[in-house]
Protein backbone atom coordinates (compact mmCIF):
# COMPACT_ATOMS: atom_id res chain seq x y z
CA MET A 1 29.23 44.83 -1.41
CA GLU A 2 30.21 41.37 -2.42
CA PRO A 3 28.87 38.36 -0.58
CA THR A 4 31.72 36.56 1.66
CA MET A 5 32.21 32.78 1.27
CA ASP A 6 30.13 32.25 4.62
CA GLN A 7 27.15 33.75 2.81
CA THR A 8 27.68 31.40 -0.20
CA ASN A 9 27.77 28.51 1.81
CA ALA A 10 24.25 29.17 3.05
CA MET A 11 22.36 27.14 0.25
CA GLN A 12 19.93 25.40 2.81
CA PRO A 13 19.20 27.83 5.62
CA ALA A 14 16.33 25.79 7.08
CA GLN A 15 18.69 22.86 7.71
CA GLU A 16 21.04 24.82 9.77
CA ASP A 17 18.81 25.72 12.58
CA PRO A 18 16.78 22.53 13.37
CA GLY A 19 14.54 24.68 15.86
CA LEU A 20 13.42 27.00 12.93
CA GLU A 21 10.23 25.39 11.22
CA ILE A 22 9.52 26.75 7.77
CA THR A 23 7.02 25.97 5.06
CA LYS A 24 7.87 23.91 2.06
CA GLU A 25 6.86 27.13 -0.05
CA GLN A 26 9.47 29.08 2.11
CA ALA A 27 11.98 26.70 1.70
CA ILE A 28 11.51 26.73 -1.99
CA GLU A 29 11.67 30.51 -1.87
CA MET A 30 15.00 30.55 0.35
CA THR A 31 16.63 27.95 -1.90
CA ASN A 32 15.80 29.87 -5.12
CA GLU A 33 17.31 33.01 -3.54
CA ALA A 34 20.39 31.05 -2.86
CA ILE A 35 20.73 29.81 -6.26
CA GLU A 36 20.39 33.41 -7.46
CA LEU A 37 23.02 34.41 -5.08
CA GLN A 38 25.26 31.79 -6.48
CA LYS A 39 24.54 32.80 -10.07
CA LYS A 40 25.70 36.35 -9.23
CA LEU A 41 28.75 35.10 -7.61
CA ILE A 42 29.43 33.19 -10.92
CA ARG A 43 28.62 36.13 -13.13
CA GLU A 44 31.05 38.30 -10.91
CA ALA A 45 33.85 35.74 -10.85
CA CYS A 46 33.47 35.49 -14.58
CA LEU A 47 34.15 39.01 -15.22
CA ARG A 48 36.95 39.12 -12.84
CA MET A 49 38.28 35.91 -14.60
CA GLY A 50 38.02 37.70 -18.06
CA LYS A 51 40.08 40.60 -16.54
CA ALA A 52 42.40 38.22 -15.05
CA TYR A 53 42.67 36.52 -18.21
CA TYR A 54 43.72 39.59 -19.82
CA ASP A 55 45.98 40.40 -17.11
CA ALA A 56 47.49 36.89 -17.30
CA HIS A 57 48.27 37.13 -20.89
CA LYS A 58 50.18 40.43 -20.05
CA ASP A 59 51.86 39.21 -16.84
CA ASP A 60 51.58 35.42 -17.22
CA GLU A 61 49.40 34.97 -14.22
CA ALA A 62 46.51 32.36 -13.56
CA PRO A 63 43.44 33.54 -11.82
CA GLU A 64 43.20 30.22 -9.75
CA LEU A 65 41.10 31.71 -6.90
CA ASP A 66 38.34 32.74 -9.21
CA VAL A 67 38.12 29.44 -11.15
CA LEU A 68 37.84 27.82 -7.73
CA LYS A 69 34.91 30.14 -6.62
CA VAL A 70 33.18 29.32 -9.89
CA SER A 71 33.62 25.59 -9.38
CA GLU A 72 32.20 25.64 -5.88
CA ALA A 73 29.29 27.91 -6.67
CA THR A 74 28.35 25.59 -9.60
CA GLU A 75 28.60 22.72 -7.31
CA ARG A 76 26.20 24.60 -4.45
CA ILE A 77 23.78 25.28 -7.23
CA LYS A 78 23.28 21.65 -8.55
CA LYS A 79 22.86 20.65 -4.98
CA ALA A 80 20.41 23.55 -4.34
CA GLN A 81 18.57 22.40 -7.52
CA ALA A 82 18.33 18.80 -6.69
CA ASN A 83 16.91 19.89 -3.26
CA LEU A 84 14.43 22.04 -4.97
CA ARG A 85 13.39 19.10 -7.26
CA GLU A 86 12.86 16.86 -4.01
CA LEU A 87 10.67 19.48 -2.33
CA LYS A 88 8.59 19.97 -5.35
CA GLY A 89 8.41 16.18 -6.01
CA LEU A 90 10.44 16.33 -9.23
CA VAL A 91 13.08 14.27 -10.68
CA LEU A 92 15.32 14.90 -13.69
CA CYS A 93 14.70 12.70 -16.96
CA PRO A 94 18.11 11.07 -17.28
CA GLU A 95 17.47 10.95 -21.15
CA CYS A 96 16.33 14.78 -21.85
CA ARG A 97 17.42 16.30 -18.61
CA ARG A 98 14.05 18.02 -17.98
CA GLU A 99 12.25 18.06 -14.51
CA ILE A 100 9.18 15.84 -14.42
CA SER A 101 7.17 14.43 -11.59
CA LYS A 102 8.67 11.55 -9.69
CA ASP A 103 5.57 9.38 -9.93
CA VAL A 104 5.35 9.26 -13.61
CA VAL A 105 6.01 6.16 -15.86
CA PHE A 106 7.28 7.82 -19.08
CA CYS A 107 8.89 11.20 -19.33
CA ASN A 108 6.28 13.76 -20.52
CA TYR A 109 8.93 15.43 -23.10
CA CYS A 110 10.81 12.53 -24.57
CA GLY A 111 8.76 9.54 -23.70
CA TYR A 112 11.76 7.64 -21.72
CA ARG A 113 10.64 4.98 -19.60
CA MET A 114 11.25 6.09 -16.00
CA LYS A 115 10.32 2.99 -14.17
CA GLU A 116 8.20 -0.19 -14.63
CA PRO A 117 4.76 0.54 -13.43
CA GLU A 118 3.92 -1.01 -9.95
CA PRO A 119 1.34 -3.78 -10.52
CA GLU A 120 -2.06 -3.50 -8.87
CA PRO A 121 -2.10 -5.44 -5.64
CA GLU A 122 -4.55 -8.24 -5.82
CA PRO A 123 -7.23 -8.33 -3.22
CA GLU A 124 -6.55 -10.97 -0.76
CA PRO A 125 -9.34 -13.58 -0.50
CA GLU A 126 -11.08 -13.29 2.59
CA PRO A 127 -10.38 -16.38 4.73
CA GLU A 128 -13.23 -18.84 5.01
CA ALA A 129 -14.45 -19.56 8.36
CA PRO A 130 -13.87 -23.09 9.55
CA TRP A 131 -16.67 -25.38 9.16
CA VAL A 132 -18.37 -26.37 12.38
CA PRO A 133 -20.55 -29.35 12.30
CA GLU A 134 -23.82 -29.17 13.88
CA VAL A 135 -24.39 -32.93 14.31
CA CYS A 136 -21.92 -35.66 14.76
CA ASP A 137 -21.45 -37.41 11.19
CA GLU A 138 -20.95 -40.78 13.05
CA CYS A 139 -23.87 -41.07 15.29
CA GLY A 140 -26.06 -37.93 14.62
CA GLU A 141 -25.73 -36.56 18.08
CA PRO A 142 -26.22 -32.57 18.08
CA LEU A 143 -23.03 -30.80 18.82
CA ARG A 144 -22.50 -27.38 20.81
CA PRO A 145 -20.36 -24.77 19.60
CA GLY A 146 -16.86 -25.21 20.97
CA GLN A 147 -17.20 -28.93 21.58
CA ARG A 148 -14.22 -30.79 20.69
CA PHE A 149 -15.58 -34.50 20.94
CA CYS A 150 -18.99 -35.98 20.26
CA SER A 151 -20.56 -36.80 23.55
CA GLY A 152 -22.73 -39.67 21.94
CA CYS A 153 -19.60 -41.57 20.51
CA GLY A 154 -16.47 -39.72 21.22
CA LYS A 155 -15.43 -38.91 17.98
CA PRO A 156 -13.23 -35.81 17.68
CA VAL A 157 -15.09 -33.01 16.02
CA ALA A 158 -11.92 -32.03 14.02
CA GLN A 159 -11.98 -35.36 12.08
CA MET A 160 -15.49 -34.92 10.87
CA LYS A 161 -16.28 -34.00 7.55
CA PRO A 162 -18.78 -31.52 6.02
CA PRO A 163 -21.70 -32.94 4.50
CA ALA A 164 -21.73 -33.40 0.72
CA PRO A 165 -23.38 -30.58 -0.98
CA ALA A 166 -26.91 -30.95 -2.32
CA PRO A 167 -27.08 -32.25 -5.85
CA ARG A 168 -28.33 -29.72 -8.52
CA VAL A 169 -31.48 -30.43 -9.73
CA CYS A 170 -33.65 -28.97 -12.82
CA LYS A 171 -36.01 -26.13 -11.48
CA ASN A 172 -38.52 -27.16 -14.30
CA CYS A 173 -38.58 -31.04 -14.39
CA GLY A 174 -36.73 -31.90 -11.12
CA VAL A 175 -33.90 -34.41 -12.90
CA GLU A 176 -30.38 -34.22 -11.28
CA LEU A 177 -27.85 -32.23 -13.34
CA PRO A 178 -24.33 -33.12 -13.61
CA ASP A 179 -21.43 -30.84 -12.60
CA GLY A 180 -20.97 -27.88 -15.24
CA ALA A 181 -24.31 -28.44 -17.07
CA LYS A 182 -25.75 -25.26 -18.52
CA PHE A 183 -29.08 -26.90 -19.53
CA CYS A 184 -31.32 -29.66 -18.43
CA PHE A 185 -30.52 -32.97 -20.72
CA GLU A 186 -34.23 -33.93 -20.05
CA CYS A 187 -36.39 -30.86 -20.61
CA GLY A 188 -34.02 -28.15 -22.00
CA THR A 189 -34.35 -25.73 -19.20
CA LYS A 190 -31.42 -23.20 -18.53
CA ALA A 191 -29.69 -24.41 -15.35
CA ASP A 192 -28.98 -21.92 -12.62
């Protein structure tokens, strides 16, 4: 029995019934079966077209219906194959037309550059906690956490500057080292 046009339109049976839940493997199997059905229709139509071609030359008739069936079935196969590639996570290489993973940068077969590699995201630096003074830089009064003004002189805490860092000194002789020094200029000891 030859499949009807309604059967040939059922290339994606899982999408026709949204309540029907199927696995990815089942969807692949069903799509492969639908592709094979379309190929069978093409083979049968081609046989009929061959006979029709003979008959057309004999009677000058054109087999338009079979040509239309082959064209429609071919389009349904292309759509089903694209659906299969999507289910499998594949794409067609635009250069060699082979199926490859959608995540590759270069085609495994011809070397075609599929896409620019995505740059590694740079880790964001952790924000530094705001400096909170322990004593007022104006009068030396101790400050409590969350205090906005010095209780000794009234200076706003937000305007206070952190103390200057302690100067670097040589661990051997105690001489102050300039910024960027790798060795002590006095005794030659390697700086930390």
